[in-house]
Each structure stands twice: as C-alpha cells, then as structure tokens.
Amino acid sequence: MAGPVDRLRELCLALPEVSERISHGEPTRFAGAGRRARVFVMLADHHHDDRLAFWCPAPAGAQEFLVAEAPERYFRPPYVGHRGWVGVRLDGPPVDWARIEDHVGDAYALVTGLR
C-alpha cells in the first residue's frame, strides 16, 4: 500500500503533461511543458511546521470555505495563501482520497484551463 506522498504523486502524474521536480526544497508538480509549465501541487513535508501536507491553488472562495469547514484538514499556507491557495494535510485525520483527487484536479484545471 502506497503512503500518502506516493499516492499524491500518482494522482498528479496521471494527469496530462505533468512533471515533477524539486522547487523551494520540496517535490513540486508542474502542469504544461517547458516555460509554460505552472505549479499546481507542492508537497509541504514539515515545511516550517509539523505538518505533512500539500499546497495547491483553489477556486475563488474555496480556501475560506474549506478552512472554516475542516480546520483540522485545511489551512492557509504561507507564501501563497494570500493568492487563494489552500494547504491540505496528509497526516492527522484519515485522508479522503476522492476529495484529494478533486482538489488536485481543480488545481490542475486552474493552471491549465483544461479538464
């Protein structure tokens, strides 16, 4: 059984034209090719805190809704939170992988205009 980091990687890499490389010290997934590639999922493995999580762009208003709905699972990440990105914990309460897949898909669609 794959751990949460591997499972997140699999979800991301299953999407078209996705690559992975280290950015800001963390495994980061990019959508698109070459100079047009855009970050859509960034792992946050205890990045300035005690959480195993990922950060991704979210549709307008989603960050506030998710953080209010489930603060044990969602948070406003540093650096990119002011742009509407949401932090999603992969530790703590059991992970709802169907919902994670939706977040990954939404983030991908936001940066590519596809899906």
PDB file of N, CA and C in Angstrom:
ATOM      1  N   MET A   1       0.852  -1.193   0.000  1.00  0.00           N
ATOM      2  CA  MET A   1       0.000   0.000   0.000  1.00  0.00           C
ATOM      3  C   MET A   1       0.888   1.243   0.000  1.00  0.00           C
ATOM      4  N   ALA A   2       0.624   2.142  -0.906  1.00  0.00           N
ATOM      5  CA  ALA A   2       1.428   3.355  -1.031  1.00  0.00           C
ATOM      6  C   ALA A   2       1.129   4.321   0.101  1.00  0.00           C
ATOM      7  N   GLY A   3       2.164   5.018   0.554  1.00  0.00           N
ATOM      8  CA  GLY A   3       1.988   6.047   1.554  1.00  0.00           C
ATOM      9  C   GLY A   3       1.367   7.286   0.934  1.00  0.00           C
ATOM     10  N   PRO A   4       1.014   8.282   1.757  1.00  0.00           N
ATOM     11  CA  PRO A   4       0.329   9.459   1.230  1.00  0.00           C
ATOM     12  C   PRO A   4       1.147  10.264   0.211  1.00  0.00           C
ATOM     13  N   VAL A   5       2.448  10.338   0.392  1.00  0.00           N
ATOM     14  CA  VAL A   5       3.278  11.100  -0.554  1.00  0.00           C
ATOM     15  C   VAL A   5       3.284  10.405  -1.915  1.00  0.00           C
ATOM     16  N   ASP A   6       3.436   9.082  -1.913  1.00  0.00           N
ATOM     17  CA  ASP A   6       3.421   8.326  -3.166  1.00  0.00           C
ATOM     18  C   ASP A   6       2.048   8.367  -3.834  1.00  0.00           C
ATOM     19  N   ARG A   7       1.012   8.281  -3.027  1.00  0.00           N
ATOM     20  CA  ARG A   7      -0.347   8.312  -3.585  1.00  0.00           C
ATOM     21  C   ARG A   7      -0.645   9.674  -4.216  1.00  0.00           C
ATOM     22  N   LEU A   8      -0.230  10.755  -3.566  1.00  0.00           N
ATOM     23  CA  LEU A   8      -0.398  12.084  -4.132  1.00  0.00           C
ATOM     24  C   LEU A   8       0.372  12.198  -5.449  1.00  0.00           C
ATOM     25  N   ARG A   9       1.593  11.700  -5.470  1.00  0.00           N
ATOM     26  CA  ARG A   9       2.412  11.710  -6.694  1.00  0.00           C
ATOM     27  C   ARG A   9       1.681  10.989  -7.827  1.00  0.00           C
ATOM     28  N   GLU A  10       1.131   9.816  -7.543  1.00  0.00           N
ATOM     29  CA  GLU A  10       0.418   9.043  -8.560  1.00  0.00           C
ATOM     30  C   GLU A  10      -0.769   9.817  -9.122  1.00  0.00           C
ATOM     31  N   LEU A  11      -1.541  10.469  -8.245  1.00  0.00           N
ATOM     32  CA  LEU A  11      -2.686  11.263  -8.708  1.00  0.00           C
ATOM     33  C   LEU A  11      -2.243  12.372  -9.658  1.00  0.00           C
ATOM     34  N   CYS A  12      -1.183  13.054  -9.278  1.00  0.00           N
ATOM     35  CA  CYS A  12      -0.696  14.168 -10.087  1.00  0.00           C
ATOM     36  C   CYS A  12      -0.138  13.702 -11.423  1.00  0.00           C
ATOM     37  N   LEU A  13       0.717  12.695 -11.378  1.00  0.00           N
ATOM     38  CA  LEU A  13       1.388  12.241 -12.596  1.00  0.00           C
ATOM     39  C   LEU A  13       0.451  11.534 -13.567  1.00  0.00           C
ATOM     40  N   ALA A  14      -0.759  11.183 -13.132  1.00  0.00           N
ATOM     41  CA  ALA A  14      -1.748  10.574 -14.021  1.00  0.00           C
ATOM     42  C   ALA A  14      -2.381  11.599 -14.956  1.00  0.00           C
ATOM     43  N   LEU A  15      -2.211  12.880 -14.658  1.00  0.00           N
ATOM     44  CA  LEU A  15      -2.778  13.949 -15.485  1.00  0.00           C
ATOM     45  C   LEU A  15      -1.849  14.243 -16.667  1.00  0.00           C
ATOM     46  N   PRO A  16      -2.400  14.752 -17.772  1.00  0.00           N
ATOM     47  CA  PRO A  16      -1.575  15.019 -18.965  1.00  0.00           C
ATOM     48  C   PRO A  16      -0.525  16.107 -18.729  1.00  0.00           C
ATOM     49  N   GLU A  17       0.630  15.926 -19.350  1.00  0.00           N
ATOM     50  CA  GLU A  17       1.721  16.907 -19.347  1.00  0.00           C
ATOM     51  C   GLU A  17       2.101  17.384 -17.943  1.00  0.00           C
ATOM     52  N   VAL A  18       2.231  16.450 -17.012  1.00  0.00           N
ATOM     53  CA  VAL A  18       2.648  16.787 -15.651  1.00  0.00           C
ATOM     54  C   VAL A  18       4.062  16.282 -15.431  1.00  0.00           C
ATOM     55  N   SER A  19       4.867  17.126 -14.824  1.00  0.00           N
ATOM     56  CA  SER A  19       6.229  16.749 -14.466  1.00  0.00           C
ATOM     57  C   SER A  19       6.446  17.065 -12.989  1.00  0.00           C
ATOM     58  N   GLU A  20       7.498  16.502 -12.456  1.00  0.00           N
ATOM     59  CA  GLU A  20       7.824  16.727 -11.050  1.00  0.00           C
ATOM     60  C   GLU A  20       9.290  17.109 -10.941  1.00  0.00           C
ATOM     61  N   ARG A  21       9.563  18.107 -10.118  1.00  0.00           N
ATOM     62  CA  ARG A  21      10.945  18.459  -9.793  1.00  0.00           C
ATOM     63  C   ARG A  21      10.946  19.170  -8.442  1.00  0.00           C
ATOM     64  N   ILE A  22      12.114  19.295  -7.885  1.00  0.00           N
ATOM     65  CA  ILE A  22      12.252  19.979  -6.601  1.00  0.00           C
ATOM     66  C   ILE A  22      12.192  21.487  -6.844  1.00  0.00           C
ATOM     67  N   SER A  23      11.358  22.146  -6.083  1.00  0.00           N
ATOM     68  CA  SER A  23      11.255  23.594  -6.119  1.00  0.00           C
ATOM     69  C   SER A  23      11.088  24.072  -4.687  1.00  0.00           C
ATOM     70  N   HIS A  24      11.880  25.035  -4.294  1.00  0.00           N
ATOM     71  CA  HIS A  24      11.851  25.545  -2.920  1.00  0.00           C
ATOM     72  C   HIS A  24      12.062  24.416  -1.905  1.00  0.00           C
ATOM     73  N   GLY A  25      12.859  23.426  -2.288  1.00  0.00           N
ATOM     74  CA  GLY A  25      13.220  22.339  -1.399  1.00  0.00           C
ATOM     75  C   GLY A  25      12.185  21.238  -1.251  1.00  0.00           C
ATOM     76  N   GLU A  26      11.111  21.277  -2.020  1.00  0.00           N
ATOM     77  CA  GLU A  26      10.042  20.282  -1.900  1.00  0.00           C
ATOM     78  C   GLU A  26       9.689  19.698  -3.272  1.00  0.00           C
ATOM     79  N   PRO A  27       9.257  18.425  -3.321  1.00  0.00           N
ATOM     80  CA  PRO A  27       8.762  17.874  -4.586  1.00  0.00           C
ATOM     81  C   PRO A  27       7.535  18.671  -5.038  1.00  0.00           C
ATOM     82  N   THR A  28       7.595  19.138  -6.287  1.00  0.00           N
ATOM     83  CA  THR A  28       6.565  20.028  -6.812  1.00  0.00           C
ATOM     84  C   THR A  28       6.111  19.513  -8.168  1.00  0.00           C
ATOM     85  N   ARG A  29       4.794  19.562  -8.414  1.00  0.00           N
ATOM     86  CA  ARG A  29       4.241  19.098  -9.684  1.00  0.00           C
ATOM     87  C   ARG A  29       3.890  20.294 -10.547  1.00  0.00           C
ATOM     88  N   PHE A  30       4.292  20.195 -11.804  1.00  0.00           N
ATOM     89  CA  PHE A  30       4.082  21.250 -12.790  1.00  0.00           C
ATOM     90  C   PHE A  30       3.181  20.721 -13.896  1.00  0.00           C
ATOM     91  N   ALA A  31       2.267  21.550 -14.346  1.00  0.00           N
ATOM     92  CA  ALA A  31       1.388  21.213 -15.465  1.00  0.00           C
ATOM     93  C   ALA A  31       1.813  22.035 -16.668  1.00  0.00           C
ATOM     94  N   GLY A  32       1.933  21.372 -17.813  1.00  0.00           N
ATOM     95  CA  GLY A  32       2.347  22.058 -19.026  1.00  0.00           C
ATOM     96  C   GLY A  32       3.788  21.736 -19.355  1.00  0.00           C
ATOM     97  N   ALA A  33       4.202  22.216 -20.518  1.00  0.00           N
ATOM     98  CA  ALA A  33       5.546  21.893 -20.996  1.00  0.00           C
ATOM     99  C   ALA A  33       6.429  23.130 -21.046  1.00  0.00           C
ATOM    100  N   GLY A  34       7.714  22.912 -20.834  1.00  0.00           N
ATOM    101  CA  GLY A  34       8.718  23.968 -20.984  1.00  0.00           C
ATOM    102  C   GLY A  34       8.461  25.175 -20.107  1.00  0.00           C
ATOM    103  N   ARG A  35       8.643  26.347 -20.701  1.00  0.00           N
ATOM    104  CA  ARG A  35       8.494  27.597 -19.952  1.00  0.00           C
ATOM    105  C   ARG A  35       7.045  27.882 -19.565  1.00  0.00           C
ATOM    106  N   ARG A  36       6.119  27.173 -20.178  1.00  0.00           N
ATOM    107  CA  ARG A  36       4.701  27.364 -19.862  1.00  0.00           C
ATOM    108  C   ARG A  36       4.248  26.515 -18.670  1.00  0.00           C
ATOM    109  N   ALA A  37       5.110  25.665 -18.165  1.00  0.00           N
ATOM    110  CA  ALA A  37       4.744  24.807 -17.039  1.00  0.00           C
ATOM    111  C   ALA A  37       4.440  25.655 -15.806  1.00  0.00           C
ATOM    112  N   ARG A  38       3.355  25.308 -15.103  1.00  0.00           N
ATOM    113  CA  ARG A  38       2.919  26.039 -13.923  1.00  0.00           C
ATOM    114  C   ARG A  38       2.747  25.082 -12.743  1.00  0.00           C
ATOM    115  N   VAL A  39       3.125  25.547 -11.576  1.00  0.00           N
ATOM    116  CA  VAL A  39       2.966  24.751 -10.355  1.00  0.00           C
ATOM    117  C   VAL A  39       1.482  24.568 -10.077  1.00  0.00           C
ATOM    118  N   PHE A  40       1.098  23.312  -9.779  1.00  0.00           N
ATOM    119  CA  PHE A  40      -0.273  23.088  -9.345  1.00  0.00           C
ATOM    120  C   PHE A  40      -0.366  22.281  -8.053  1.00  0.00           C
ATOM    121  N   VAL A  41       0.681  21.600  -7.660  1.00  0.00           N
ATOM    122  CA  VAL A  41       0.718  20.909  -6.363  1.00  0.00           C
ATOM    123  C   VAL A  41       2.150  20.942  -5.842  1.00  0.00           C
ATOM    124  N   MET A  42       2.289  21.404  -4.610  1.00  0.00           N
ATOM    125  CA  MET A  42       3.604  21.440  -3.967  1.00  0.00           C
ATOM    126  C   MET A  42       3.513  20.690  -2.639  1.00  0.00           C
ATOM    127  N   LEU A  43       4.357  19.684  -2.484  1.00  0.00           N
ATOM    128  CA  LEU A  43       4.390  18.964  -1.220  1.00  0.00           C
ATOM    129  C   LEU A  43       4.957  19.886  -0.149  1.00  0.00           C
ATOM    130  N   ALA A  44       4.444  19.775   1.042  1.00  0.00           N
ATOM    131  CA  ALA A  44       4.952  20.529   2.187  1.00  0.00           C
ATOM    132  C   ALA A  44       5.235  19.512   3.288  1.00  0.00           C
ATOM    133  N   ASP A  45       6.408  18.914   3.220  1.00  0.00           N
ATOM    134  CA  ASP A  45       6.797  17.879   4.180  1.00  0.00           C
ATOM    135  C   ASP A  45       7.454  18.541   5.383  1.00  0.00           C
ATOM    136  N   HIS A  46       6.609  18.980   6.318  1.00  0.00           N
ATOM    137  CA  HIS A  46       7.063  19.663   7.533  1.00  0.00           C
ATOM    138  C   HIS A  46       7.821  20.949   7.178  1.00  0.00           C
ATOM    139  N   HIS A  47       7.293  21.656   6.173  1.00  0.00           N
ATOM    140  CA  HIS A  47       7.879  22.895   5.666  1.00  0.00           C
ATOM    141  C   HIS A  47       7.506  24.037   6.614  1.00  0.00           C
ATOM    142  N   HIS A  48       8.388  24.372   7.516  1.00  0.00           N
ATOM    143  CA  HIS A  48       8.194  25.426   8.507  1.00  0.00           C
ATOM    144  C   HIS A  48       7.145  25.094   9.563  1.00  0.00           C
ATOM    145  N   ASP A  49       6.713  23.845   9.651  1.00  0.00           N
ATOM    146  CA  ASP A  49       5.744  23.460  10.680  1.00  0.00           C
ATOM    147  C   ASP A  49       5.820  21.948  10.878  1.00  0.00           C
ATOM    148  N   ASP A  50       4.848  21.398  11.584  1.00  0.00           N
ATOM    149  CA  ASP A  50       4.881  19.967  11.893  1.00  0.00           C
ATOM    150  C   ASP A  50       3.927  19.163  11.014  1.00  0.00           C
ATOM    151  N   ARG A  51       3.501  19.715   9.886  1.00  0.00           N
ATOM    152  CA  ARG A  51       2.503  19.060   9.046  1.00  0.00           C
ATOM    153  C   ARG A  51       3.123  18.380   7.830  1.00  0.00           C
ATOM    154  N   LEU A  52       2.527  17.269   7.451  1.00  0.00           N
ATOM    155  CA  LEU A  52       2.748  16.681   6.136  1.00  0.00           C
ATOM    156  C   LEU A  52       1.522  17.070   5.333  1.00  0.00           C
ATOM    157  N   ALA A  53       1.726  17.864   4.295  1.00  0.00           N
ATOM    158  CA  ALA A  53       0.600  18.424   3.551  1.00  0.00           C
ATOM    159  C   ALA A  53       1.021  18.726   2.121  1.00  0.00           C
ATOM    160  N   PHE A  54       0.068  19.206   1.344  1.00  0.00           N
ATOM    161  CA  PHE A  54       0.403  19.792   0.052  1.00  0.00           C
ATOM    162  C   PHE A  54      -0.351  21.105  -0.078  1.00  0.00           C
ATOM    163  N   TRP A  55       0.186  21.967  -0.924  1.00  0.00           N
ATOM    164  CA  TRP A  55      -0.414  23.258  -1.214  1.00  0.00           C
ATOM    165  C   TRP A  55      -0.836  23.251  -2.668  1.00  0.00           C
ATOM    166  N   CYS A  56      -1.996  23.849  -2.958  1.00  0.00           N
ATOM    167  CA  CYS A  56      -2.452  23.939  -4.337  1.00  0.00           C
ATOM    168  C   CYS A  56      -3.365  25.140  -4.518  1.00  0.00           C
ATOM    169  N   PRO A  57      -3.447  25.667  -5.743  1.00  0.00           N
ATOM    170  CA  PRO A  57      -4.402  26.733  -5.990  1.00  0.00           C
ATOM    171  C   PRO A  57      -5.816  26.172  -5.881  1.00  0.00           C
ATOM    172  N   ALA A  58      -6.738  27.008  -5.464  1.00  0.00           N
ATOM    173  CA  ALA A  58      -8.129  26.584  -5.292  1.00  0.00           C
ATOM    174  C   ALA A  58      -9.044  27.615  -5.949  1.00  0.00           C
ATOM    175  N   PRO A  59     -10.224  27.184  -6.347  1.00  0.00           N
ATOM    176  CA  PRO A  59     -11.173  28.131  -6.930  1.00  0.00           C
ATOM    177  C   PRO A  59     -11.489  29.268  -5.951  1.00  0.00           C
ATOM    178  N   ALA A  60     -11.918  30.381  -6.483  1.00  0.00           N
ATOM    179  CA  ALA A  60     -12.232  31.557  -5.667  1.00  0.00           C
ATOM    180  C   ALA A  60     -13.198  31.187  -4.539  1.00  0.00           C
ATOM    181  N   GLY A  61     -12.833  31.584  -3.324  1.00  0.00           N
ATOM    182  CA  GLY A  61     -13.666  31.351  -2.150  1.00  0.00           C
ATOM    183  C   GLY A  61     -13.497  29.991  -1.502  1.00  0.00           C
ATOM    184  N   ALA A  62     -12.841  29.059  -2.191  1.00  0.00           N
ATOM    185  CA  ALA A  62     -12.707  27.697  -1.664  1.00  0.00           C
ATOM    186  C   ALA A  62     -11.826  27.645  -0.421  1.00  0.00           C
ATOM    187  N   GLN A  63     -10.733  28.406  -0.420  1.00  0.00           N
ATOM    188  CA  GLN A  63      -9.827  28.364   0.728  1.00  0.00           C
ATOM    189  C   GLN A  63     -10.576  28.702   2.015  1.00  0.00           C
ATOM    190  N   GLU A  64     -11.292  29.802   2.017  1.00  0.00           N
ATOM    191  CA  GLU A  64     -12.013  30.233   3.220  1.00  0.00           C
ATOM    192  C   GLU A  64     -13.049  29.193   3.639  1.00  0.00           C
ATOM    193  N   PHE A  65     -13.769  28.658   2.667  1.00  0.00           N
ATOM    194  CA  PHE A  65     -14.791  27.661   2.962  1.00  0.00           C
ATOM    195  C   PHE A  65     -14.169  26.403   3.578  1.00  0.00           C
ATOM    196  N   LEU A  66     -13.118  25.882   2.940  1.00  0.00           N
ATOM    197  CA  LEU A  66     -12.503  24.642   3.403  1.00  0.00           C
ATOM    198  C   LEU A  66     -11.893  24.795   4.790  1.00  0.00           C
ATOM    199  N   VAL A  67     -11.191  25.903   5.024  1.00  0.00           N
ATOM    200  CA  VAL A  67     -10.566  26.126   6.332  1.00  0.00           C
ATOM    201  C   VAL A  67     -11.632  26.244   7.421  1.00  0.00           C
ATOM    202  N   ALA A  68     -12.739  26.917   7.123  1.00  0.00           N
ATOM    203  CA  ALA A  68     -13.824  27.043   8.108  1.00  0.00           C
ATOM    204  C   ALA A  68     -14.519  25.702   8.334  1.00  0.00           C
ATOM    205  N   GLU A  69     -14.698  24.935   7.266  1.00  0.00           N
ATOM    206  CA  GLU A  69     -15.400  23.655   7.342  1.00  0.00           C
ATOM    207  C   GLU A  69     -14.603  22.594   8.098  1.00  0.00           C
ATOM    208  N   ALA A  70     -13.285  22.533   7.850  1.00  0.00           N
ATOM    209  CA  ALA A  70     -12.469  21.455   8.430  1.00  0.00           C
ATOM    210  C   ALA A  70     -11.059  21.959   8.734  1.00  0.00           C
ATOM    211  N   PRO A  71     -10.909  22.777   9.786  1.00  0.00           N
ATOM    212  CA  PRO A  71      -9.581  23.328  10.093  1.00  0.00           C
ATOM    213  C   PRO A  71      -8.545  22.276  10.494  1.00  0.00           C
ATOM    214  N   GLU A  72      -8.988  21.085  10.829  1.00  0.00           N
ATOM    215  CA  GLU A  72      -8.037  20.018  11.138  1.00  0.00           C
ATOM    216  C   GLU A  72      -7.424  19.438   9.862  1.00  0.00           C
ATOM    217  N   ARG A  73      -8.021  19.704   8.714  1.00  0.00           N
ATOM    218  CA  ARG A  73      -7.556  19.170   7.441  1.00  0.00           C
ATOM    219  C   ARG A  73      -6.986  20.265   6.523  1.00  0.00           C
ATOM    220  N   TYR A  74      -7.566  21.472   6.566  1.00  0.00           N
ATOM    221  CA  TYR A  74      -7.198  22.546   5.642  1.00  0.00           C
ATOM    222  C   TYR A  74      -6.617  23.742   6.384  1.00  0.00           C
ATOM    223  N   PHE A  75      -5.738  24.477   5.695  1.00  0.00           N
ATOM    224  CA  PHE A  75      -5.134  25.670   6.280  1.00  0.00           C
ATOM    225  C   PHE A  75      -4.706  26.626   5.176  1.00  0.00           C
ATOM    226  N   ARG A  76      -4.468  27.853   5.572  1.00  0.00           N
ATOM    227  CA  ARG A  76      -3.962  28.872   4.639  1.00  0.00           C
ATOM    228  C   ARG A  76      -2.441  28.779   4.661  1.00  0.00           C
ATOM    229  N   PRO A  77      -1.829  28.335   3.573  1.00  0.00           N
ATOM    230  CA  PRO A  77      -0.379  28.133   3.578  1.00  0.00           C
ATOM    231  C   PRO A  77       0.391  29.452   3.513  1.00  0.00           C
ATOM    232  N   PRO A  78       1.608  29.452   4.061  1.00  0.00           N
ATOM    233  CA  PRO A  78       2.439  30.651   3.938  1.00  0.00           C
ATOM    234  C   PRO A  78       2.821  30.879   2.474  1.00  0.00           C
ATOM    235  N   TYR A  79       3.228  32.086   2.180  1.00  0.00           N
ATOM    236  CA  TYR A  79       3.728  32.484   0.859  1.00  0.00           C
ATOM    237  C   TYR A  79       2.658  32.577  -0.225  1.00  0.00           C
ATOM    238  N   VAL A  80       1.785  31.579  -0.337  1.00  0.00           N
ATOM    239  CA  VAL A  80       0.808  31.543  -1.426  1.00  0.00           C
ATOM    240  C   VAL A  80      -0.643  31.606  -0.951  1.00  0.00           C
ATOM    241  N   GLY A  81      -0.850  31.565   0.336  1.00  0.00           N
ATOM    242  CA  GLY A  81      -2.207  31.604   0.875  1.00  0.00           C
ATOM    243  C   GLY A  81      -2.952  32.875   0.510  1.00  0.00           C
ATOM    244  N   HIS A  82      -2.235  33.978   0.438  1.00  0.00           N
ATOM    245  CA  HIS A  82      -2.885  35.247   0.092  1.00  0.00           C
ATOM    246  C   HIS A  82      -3.398  35.255  -1.350  1.00  0.00           C
ATOM    247  N   ARG A  83      -2.971  34.280  -2.164  1.00  0.00           N
ATOM    248  CA  ARG A  83      -3.439  34.163  -3.549  1.00  0.00           C
ATOM    249  C   ARG A  83      -4.544  33.124  -3.688  1.00  0.00           C
ATOM    250  N   GLY A  84      -5.078  32.663  -2.560  1.00  0.00           N
ATOM    251  CA  GLY A  84      -6.182  31.718  -2.604  1.00  0.00           C
ATOM    252  C   GLY A  84      -5.782  30.253  -2.582  1.00  0.00           C
ATOM    253  N   TRP A  85      -4.482  29.985  -2.478  1.00  0.00           N
ATOM    254  CA  TRP A  85      -4.053  28.594  -2.388  1.00  0.00           C
ATOM    255  C   TRP A  85      -4.511  28.014  -1.053  1.00  0.00           C
ATOM    256  N   VAL A  86      -4.682  26.703  -1.023  1.00  0.00           N
ATOM    257  CA  VAL A  86      -5.092  26.022   0.205  1.00  0.00           C
ATOM    258  C   VAL A  86      -4.061  24.952   0.555  1.00  0.00           C
ATOM    259  N   GLY A  87      -3.827  24.795   1.843  1.00  0.00           N
ATOM    260  CA  GLY A  87      -2.993  23.716   2.345  1.00  0.00           C
ATOM    261  C   GLY A  87      -3.888  22.560   2.748  1.00  0.00           C
ATOM    262  N   VAL A  88      -3.499  21.348   2.373  1.00  0.00           N
ATOM    263  CA  VAL A  88      -4.292  20.156   2.649  1.00  0.00           C
ATOM    264  C   VAL A  88      -3.407  19.161   3.392  1.00  0.00           C
ATOM    265  N   ARG A  89      -3.780  18.856   4.621  1.00  0.00           N
ATOM    266  CA  ARG A  89      -2.987  17.918   5.419  1.00  0.00           C
ATOM    267  C   ARG A  89      -3.136  16.490   4.915  1.00  0.00           C
ATOM    268  N   LEU A  90      -2.002  15.780   4.912  1.00  0.00           N
ATOM    269  CA  LEU A  90      -1.988  14.364   4.569  1.00  0.00           C
ATOM    270  C   LEU A  90      -1.737  13.496   5.801  1.00  0.00           C
ATOM    271  N   ASP A  91      -1.589  14.153   6.947  1.00  0.00           N
ATOM    272  CA  ASP A  91      -1.441  13.435   8.215  1.00  0.00           C
ATOM    273  C   ASP A  91      -2.665  13.775   9.067  1.00  0.00           C
ATOM    274  N   GLY A  92      -2.735  13.267  10.260  1.00  0.00           N
ATOM    275  CA  GLY A  92      -3.881  13.575  11.120  1.00  0.00           C
ATOM    276  C   GLY A  92      -5.075  12.698  10.790  1.00  0.00           C
ATOM    277  N   PRO A  93      -6.262  13.301  10.654  1.00  0.00           N
ATOM    278  CA  PRO A  93      -7.470  12.504  10.400  1.00  0.00           C
ATOM    279  C   PRO A  93      -7.329  11.684   9.119  1.00  0.00           C
ATOM    280  N   PRO A  94      -8.079  10.578   9.008  1.00  0.00           N
ATOM    281  CA  PRO A  94      -7.996   9.770   7.784  1.00  0.00           C
ATOM    282  C   PRO A  94      -8.220  10.620   6.534  1.00  0.00           C
ATOM    283  N   VAL A  95      -7.419  10.365   5.521  1.00  0.00           N
ATOM    284  CA  VAL A  95      -7.461  11.143   4.289  1.00  0.00           C
ATOM    285  C   VAL A  95      -8.590  10.631   3.395  1.00  0.00           C
ATOM    286  N   ASP A  96      -9.399  11.549   2.891  1.00  0.00           N
ATOM    287  CA  ASP A  96     -10.455  11.243   1.928  1.00  0.00           C
ATOM    288  C   ASP A  96      -9.843  11.400   0.537  1.00  0.00           C
ATOM    289  N   TRP A  97      -9.382  10.291  -0.039  1.00  0.00           N
ATOM    290  CA  TRP A  97      -8.639  10.356  -1.298  1.00  0.00           C
ATOM    291  C   TRP A  97      -9.495  10.783  -2.479  1.00  0.00           C
ATOM    292  N   ALA A  98     -10.784  10.540  -2.432  1.00  0.00           N
ATOM    293  CA  ALA A  98     -11.654  11.036  -3.505  1.00  0.00           C
ATOM    294  C   ALA A  98     -11.673  12.565  -3.484  1.00  0.00           C
ATOM    295  N   ARG A  99     -11.708  13.131  -2.305  1.00  0.00           N
ATOM    296  CA  ARG A  99     -11.686  14.593  -2.185  1.00  0.00           C
ATOM    297  C   ARG A  99     -10.319  15.159  -2.587  1.00  0.00           C
ATOM    298  N   ILE A 100      -9.253  14.474  -2.201  1.00  0.00           N
ATOM    299  CA  ILE A 100      -7.909  14.902  -2.603  1.00  0.00           C
ATOM    300  C   ILE A 100      -7.813  14.901  -4.126  1.00  0.00           C
ATOM    301  N   GLU A 101      -8.343  13.871  -4.761  1.00  0.00           N
ATOM    302  CA  GLU A 101      -8.322  13.812  -6.221  1.00  0.00           C
ATOM    303  C   GLU A 101      -9.072  15.002  -6.819  1.00  0.00           C
ATOM    304  N   ASP A 102     -10.186  15.390  -6.216  1.00  0.00           N
ATOM    305  CA  ASP A 102     -10.922  16.576  -6.678  1.00  0.00           C
ATOM    306  C   ASP A 102     -10.079  17.839  -6.536  1.00  0.00           C
ATOM    307  N   HIS A 103      -9.393  17.999  -5.406  1.00  0.00           N
ATOM    308  CA  HIS A 103      -8.547  19.186  -5.202  1.00  0.00           C
ATOM    309  C   HIS A 103      -7.419  19.238  -6.229  1.00  0.00           C
ATOM    310  N   VAL A 104      -6.791  18.104  -6.463  1.00  0.00           N
ATOM    311  CA  VAL A 104      -5.707  18.029  -7.446  1.00  0.00           C
ATOM    312  C   VAL A 104      -6.241  18.371  -8.835  1.00  0.00           C
ATOM    313  N   GLY A 105      -7.387  17.817  -9.187  1.00  0.00           N
ATOM    314  CA  GLY A 105      -7.992  18.097 -10.490  1.00  0.00           C
ATOM    315  C   GLY A 105      -8.374  19.562 -10.646  1.00  0.00           C
ATOM    316  N   ASP A 106      -8.935  20.150  -9.586  1.00  0.00           N
ATOM    317  CA  ASP A 106      -9.282  21.572  -9.636  1.00  0.00           C
ATOM    318  C   ASP A 106      -8.028  22.441  -9.805  1.00  0.00           C
ATOM    319  N   ALA A 107      -6.983  22.111  -9.070  1.00  0.00           N
ATOM    320  CA  ALA A 107      -5.731  22.878  -9.164  1.00  0.00           C
ATOM    321  C   ALA A 107      -5.153  22.769 -10.571  1.00  0.00           C
ATOM    322  N   TYR A 108      -5.161  21.589 -11.120  1.00  0.00           N
ATOM    323  CA  TYR A 108      -4.670  21.369 -12.481  1.00  0.00           C
ATOM    324  C   TYR A 108      -5.480  22.205 -13.476  1.00  0.00           C
ATOM    325  N   ALA A 109      -6.788  22.154 -13.350  1.00  0.00           N
ATOM    326  CA  ALA A 109      -7.657  22.908 -14.258  1.00  0.00           C
ATOM    327  C   ALA A 109      -7.425  24.407 -14.133  1.00  0.00           C
ATOM    328  N   LEU A 110      -7.207  24.891 -12.928  1.00  0.00           N
ATOM    329  CA  LEU A 110      -6.971  26.314 -12.731  1.00  0.00           C
ATOM    330  C   LEU A 110      -5.719  26.804 -13.451  1.00  0.00           C
ATOM    331  N   VAL A 111      -4.656  26.008 -13.413  1.00  0.00           N
ATOM    332  CA  VAL A 111      -3.401  26.480 -14.031  1.00  0.00           C
ATOM    333  C   VAL A 111      -3.303  26.179 -15.517  1.00  0.00           C
ATOM    334  N   THR A 112      -4.086  25.216 -15.999  1.00  0.00           N
ATOM    335  CA  THR A 112      -4.002  24.846 -17.419  1.00  0.00           C
ATOM    336  C   THR A 112      -5.191  25.327 -18.248  1.00  0.00           C
ATOM    337  N   GLY A 113      -6.310  25.533 -17.587  1.00  0.00           N
ATOM    338  CA  GLY A 113      -7.530  25.832 -18.318  1.00  0.00           C
ATOM    339  C   GLY A 113      -8.123  24.608 -18.971  1.00  0.00           C
ATOM    340  N   LEU A 114      -7.587  23.410 -18.640  1.00  0.00           N
ATOM    341  CA  LEU A 114      -8.054  22.141 -19.200  1.00  0.00           C
ATOM    342  C   LEU A 114      -8.933  21.394 -18.212  1.00  0.00           C
ATOM    343  N   ARG A 115      -9.389  20.241 -18.642  1.00  0.00           N
ATOM    344  CA  ARG A 115     -10.099  19.245 -17.854  1.00  0.00           C
ATOM    345  C   ARG A 115     -11.551  19.231 -18.077  1.00  0.00           C
TER     346      ARG A 115
END
